Amino acid sequence: MGFITTIFIGLIIGLIARVLKPGNDQMGWIMTILLGIGGSMVATYGGQVLGLYRAGQGAGFIGSVIGAVVLLAVVGALRKR
């Protein structure tokens, strides 16, 4: 997967996660892209630990969005402290 494709998919996943999680999440485009990419990584590695995915197998689109929502909730909880 190319670098531009990764950024684009990260943006889409990050935007969907921000729409699904209620509340005011003040972040720019770059943080939204990083949120989407990080959510995909959380879903992939978390799924491998839980036995949902094999090594080398990536999380799907829905898993990536769920991972991004979880990551967004963690970031929101840390910002409130």
N, C-alpha and C. Protein backbone atom coordinates (compact mmCIF):
# COMPACT_ATOMS: atom_id res chain seq x y z
N MET A 1 0.85 -1.15 0.00
CA MET A 1 0.00 0.00 0.00
C MET A 1 0.91 1.23 0.00
N GLY A 2 0.59 2.17 -0.81
CA GLY A 2 1.40 3.36 -0.93
C GLY A 2 1.19 4.34 0.21
N PHE A 3 2.10 5.27 0.31
CA PHE A 3 2.07 6.27 1.37
C PHE A 3 0.83 7.15 1.27
N ILE A 4 0.50 7.60 0.07
CA ILE A 4 -0.67 8.47 -0.14
C ILE A 4 -1.96 7.70 0.17
N THR A 5 -2.02 6.43 -0.20
CA THR A 5 -3.20 5.62 0.09
C THR A 5 -3.38 5.45 1.59
N THR A 6 -2.29 5.23 2.30
CA THR A 6 -2.35 5.10 3.76
C THR A 6 -2.87 6.37 4.39
N ILE A 7 -2.41 7.50 3.94
CA ILE A 7 -2.88 8.79 4.47
C ILE A 7 -4.37 8.98 4.17
N PHE A 8 -4.79 8.66 2.95
CA PHE A 8 -6.19 8.84 2.57
C PHE A 8 -7.11 7.93 3.39
N ILE A 9 -6.75 6.68 3.53
CA ILE A 9 -7.58 5.75 4.30
C ILE A 9 -7.57 6.14 5.77
N GLY A 10 -6.41 6.58 6.29
CA GLY A 10 -6.35 7.06 7.66
C GLY A 10 -7.27 8.25 7.89
N LEU A 11 -7.33 9.15 6.91
CA LEU A 11 -8.23 10.30 7.00
C LEU A 11 -9.69 9.85 7.05
N ILE A 12 -10.07 8.94 6.18
CA ILE A 12 -11.45 8.45 6.13
C ILE A 12 -11.83 7.77 7.44
N ILE A 13 -10.95 6.89 7.94
CA ILE A 13 -11.23 6.19 9.19
C ILE A 13 -11.29 7.17 10.35
N GLY A 14 -10.38 8.13 10.39
CA GLY A 14 -10.38 9.13 11.46
C GLY A 14 -11.64 9.98 11.44
N LEU A 15 -12.09 10.38 10.26
CA LEU A 15 -13.31 11.18 10.16
C LEU A 15 -14.54 10.40 10.62
N ILE A 16 -14.61 9.13 10.24
CA ILE A 16 -15.75 8.30 10.66
C ILE A 16 -15.73 8.11 12.17
N ALA A 17 -14.54 7.89 12.74
CA ALA A 17 -14.44 7.72 14.20
C ALA A 17 -14.86 8.99 14.92
N ARG A 18 -14.48 10.15 14.40
CA ARG A 18 -14.86 11.41 15.04
C ARG A 18 -16.36 11.65 14.95
N VAL A 19 -17.01 11.18 13.89
CA VAL A 19 -18.46 11.33 13.75
C VAL A 19 -19.17 10.38 14.72
N LEU A 20 -18.64 9.17 14.88
CA LEU A 20 -19.30 8.18 15.73
C LEU A 20 -19.17 8.46 17.22
N LYS A 21 -18.06 9.06 17.64
CA LYS A 21 -17.86 9.35 19.06
C LYS A 21 -18.43 10.73 19.36
N PRO A 22 -19.40 10.80 20.28
CA PRO A 22 -19.99 12.10 20.60
C PRO A 22 -19.00 12.96 21.39
N GLY A 23 -19.20 14.25 21.31
CA GLY A 23 -18.37 15.19 22.05
C GLY A 23 -17.54 16.06 21.12
N ASN A 24 -16.91 17.05 21.69
CA ASN A 24 -16.11 17.99 20.94
C ASN A 24 -14.65 17.54 20.96
N ASP A 25 -14.17 17.05 19.86
CA ASP A 25 -12.78 16.61 19.73
C ASP A 25 -12.07 17.62 18.85
N GLN A 26 -11.38 18.54 19.47
CA GLN A 26 -10.69 19.57 18.72
C GLN A 26 -9.35 19.05 18.24
N MET A 27 -9.29 18.73 16.97
CA MET A 27 -8.04 18.30 16.36
C MET A 27 -8.08 18.64 14.89
N GLY A 28 -6.92 18.83 14.32
CA GLY A 28 -6.82 19.20 12.91
C GLY A 28 -6.77 17.99 12.00
N TRP A 29 -6.48 18.26 10.74
CA TRP A 29 -6.44 17.22 9.72
C TRP A 29 -5.34 16.19 9.99
N ILE A 30 -4.18 16.67 10.40
CA ILE A 30 -3.05 15.76 10.62
C ILE A 30 -3.35 14.82 11.78
N MET A 31 -3.91 15.35 12.85
CA MET A 31 -4.25 14.50 14.00
C MET A 31 -5.36 13.52 13.64
N THR A 32 -6.29 13.92 12.78
CA THR A 32 -7.34 13.01 12.34
C THR A 32 -6.75 11.87 11.52
N ILE A 33 -5.80 12.18 10.65
CA ILE A 33 -5.13 11.15 9.86
C ILE A 33 -4.36 10.20 10.77
N LEU A 34 -3.62 10.75 11.73
CA LEU A 34 -2.87 9.91 12.67
C LEU A 34 -3.80 9.07 13.53
N LEU A 35 -4.97 9.60 13.87
CA LEU A 35 -5.97 8.85 14.61
C LEU A 35 -6.44 7.64 13.81
N GLY A 36 -6.72 7.84 12.53
CA GLY A 36 -7.17 6.74 11.68
C GLY A 36 -6.10 5.68 11.49
N ILE A 37 -4.86 6.09 11.27
CA ILE A 37 -3.77 5.14 11.11
C ILE A 37 -3.51 4.40 12.42
N GLY A 38 -3.51 5.14 13.53
CA GLY A 38 -3.30 4.52 14.84
C GLY A 38 -4.43 3.57 15.20
N GLY A 39 -5.65 3.93 14.86
CA GLY A 39 -6.80 3.04 15.12
C GLY A 39 -6.69 1.75 14.35
N SER A 40 -6.20 1.82 13.14
CA SER A 40 -5.99 0.61 12.35
C SER A 40 -4.92 -0.27 12.98
N MET A 41 -3.86 0.36 13.48
CA MET A 41 -2.80 -0.41 14.14
C MET A 41 -3.30 -1.03 15.44
N VAL A 42 -4.09 -0.28 16.22
CA VAL A 42 -4.65 -0.83 17.45
C VAL A 42 -5.54 -2.02 17.15
N ALA A 43 -6.37 -1.91 16.13
CA ALA A 43 -7.27 -3.00 15.77
C ALA A 43 -6.49 -4.22 15.27
N THR A 44 -5.45 -3.99 14.48
CA THR A 44 -4.67 -5.10 13.95
C THR A 44 -3.95 -5.86 15.06
N TYR A 45 -3.20 -5.13 15.87
CA TYR A 45 -2.42 -5.80 16.92
C TYR A 45 -3.31 -6.31 18.04
N GLY A 46 -4.36 -5.59 18.37
CA GLY A 46 -5.31 -6.08 19.38
C GLY A 46 -6.03 -7.33 18.91
N GLY A 47 -6.39 -7.36 17.64
CA GLY A 47 -7.03 -8.54 17.07
C GLY A 47 -6.10 -9.74 17.02
N GLN A 48 -4.82 -9.51 16.80
CA GLN A 48 -3.85 -10.60 16.81
C GLN A 48 -3.67 -11.14 18.22
N VAL A 49 -3.66 -10.26 19.22
CA VAL A 49 -3.54 -10.72 20.61
C VAL A 49 -4.77 -11.53 21.02
N LEU A 50 -5.94 -11.10 20.59
CA LEU A 50 -7.17 -11.81 20.93
C LEU A 50 -7.41 -13.05 20.07
N GLY A 51 -6.60 -13.25 19.06
CA GLY A 51 -6.74 -14.42 18.19
C GLY A 51 -7.72 -14.23 17.06
N LEU A 52 -8.13 -12.99 16.79
CA LEU A 52 -9.06 -12.73 15.69
C LEU A 52 -8.36 -12.70 14.33
N TYR A 53 -7.08 -12.31 14.33
CA TYR A 53 -6.31 -12.21 13.10
C TYR A 53 -5.02 -13.00 13.27
N ARG A 54 -4.52 -13.52 12.15
CA ARG A 54 -3.22 -14.20 12.15
C ARG A 54 -2.13 -13.16 11.94
N ALA A 55 -0.89 -13.57 12.20
CA ALA A 55 0.25 -12.68 11.98
C ALA A 55 0.31 -12.30 10.50
N GLY A 56 0.47 -11.02 10.24
CA GLY A 56 0.53 -10.53 8.86
C GLY A 56 -0.82 -10.17 8.28
N GLN A 57 -1.89 -10.50 8.97
CA GLN A 57 -3.23 -10.20 8.50
C GLN A 57 -3.69 -8.90 9.15
N GLY A 58 -4.14 -7.96 8.35
CA GLY A 58 -4.57 -6.67 8.87
C GLY A 58 -6.04 -6.66 9.24
N ALA A 59 -6.40 -5.69 10.05
CA ALA A 59 -7.80 -5.52 10.44
C ALA A 59 -8.58 -4.97 9.26
N GLY A 60 -9.85 -5.27 9.22
CA GLY A 60 -10.71 -4.75 8.17
C GLY A 60 -11.11 -3.31 8.45
N PHE A 61 -11.95 -2.78 7.59
CA PHE A 61 -12.36 -1.38 7.69
C PHE A 61 -13.14 -1.13 8.97
N ILE A 62 -14.08 -2.00 9.30
CA ILE A 62 -14.90 -1.81 10.49
C ILE A 62 -14.04 -1.95 11.75
N GLY A 63 -13.14 -2.91 11.77
CA GLY A 63 -12.23 -3.07 12.90
C GLY A 63 -11.35 -1.86 13.08
N SER A 64 -10.91 -1.27 11.99
CA SER A 64 -10.08 -0.07 12.06
C SER A 64 -10.85 1.11 12.63
N VAL A 65 -12.11 1.24 12.24
CA VAL A 65 -12.93 2.32 12.78
C VAL A 65 -13.16 2.12 14.27
N ILE A 66 -13.42 0.89 14.69
CA ILE A 66 -13.60 0.60 16.11
C ILE A 66 -12.32 0.90 16.88
N GLY A 67 -11.18 0.52 16.32
CA GLY A 67 -9.90 0.83 16.96
C GLY A 67 -9.67 2.33 17.08
N ALA A 68 -10.07 3.09 16.06
CA ALA A 68 -9.92 4.55 16.10
C ALA A 68 -10.85 5.17 17.13
N VAL A 69 -12.05 4.64 17.28
CA VAL A 69 -12.97 5.16 18.30
C VAL A 69 -12.41 4.89 19.70
N VAL A 70 -11.87 3.70 19.90
CA VAL A 70 -11.25 3.37 21.19
C VAL A 70 -10.07 4.31 21.46
N LEU A 71 -9.24 4.51 20.46
CA LEU A 71 -8.09 5.40 20.60
C LEU A 71 -8.54 6.83 20.89
N LEU A 72 -9.59 7.28 20.23
CA LEU A 72 -10.13 8.62 20.45
C LEU A 72 -10.67 8.76 21.87
N ALA A 73 -11.32 7.72 22.40
CA ALA A 73 -11.82 7.76 23.78
C ALA A 73 -10.66 7.83 24.78
N VAL A 74 -9.59 7.09 24.51
CA VAL A 74 -8.43 7.12 25.40
C VAL A 74 -7.78 8.50 25.38
N VAL A 75 -7.62 9.07 24.22
CA VAL A 75 -7.03 10.41 24.10
C VAL A 75 -7.92 11.43 24.81
N GLY A 76 -9.23 11.32 24.66
CA GLY A 76 -10.15 12.23 25.34
C GLY A 76 -10.06 12.11 26.85
N ALA A 77 -9.92 10.89 27.36
CA ALA A 77 -9.81 10.69 28.80
C ALA A 77 -8.49 11.25 29.33
N LEU A 78 -7.42 11.12 28.57
CA LEU A 78 -6.14 11.64 28.99
C LEU A 78 -6.10 13.17 28.95
N ARG A 79 -6.81 13.76 28.03
CA ARG A 79 -6.85 15.23 27.94
C ARG A 79 -7.62 15.85 29.07
N LYS A 80 -8.61 15.14 29.63
CA LYS A 80 -9.40 15.66 30.73
C LYS A 80 -8.62 15.70 32.03
N ARG A 81 -7.59 14.89 32.14
CA ARG A 81 -6.79 14.85 33.37
C ARG A 81 -5.97 16.04 33.47
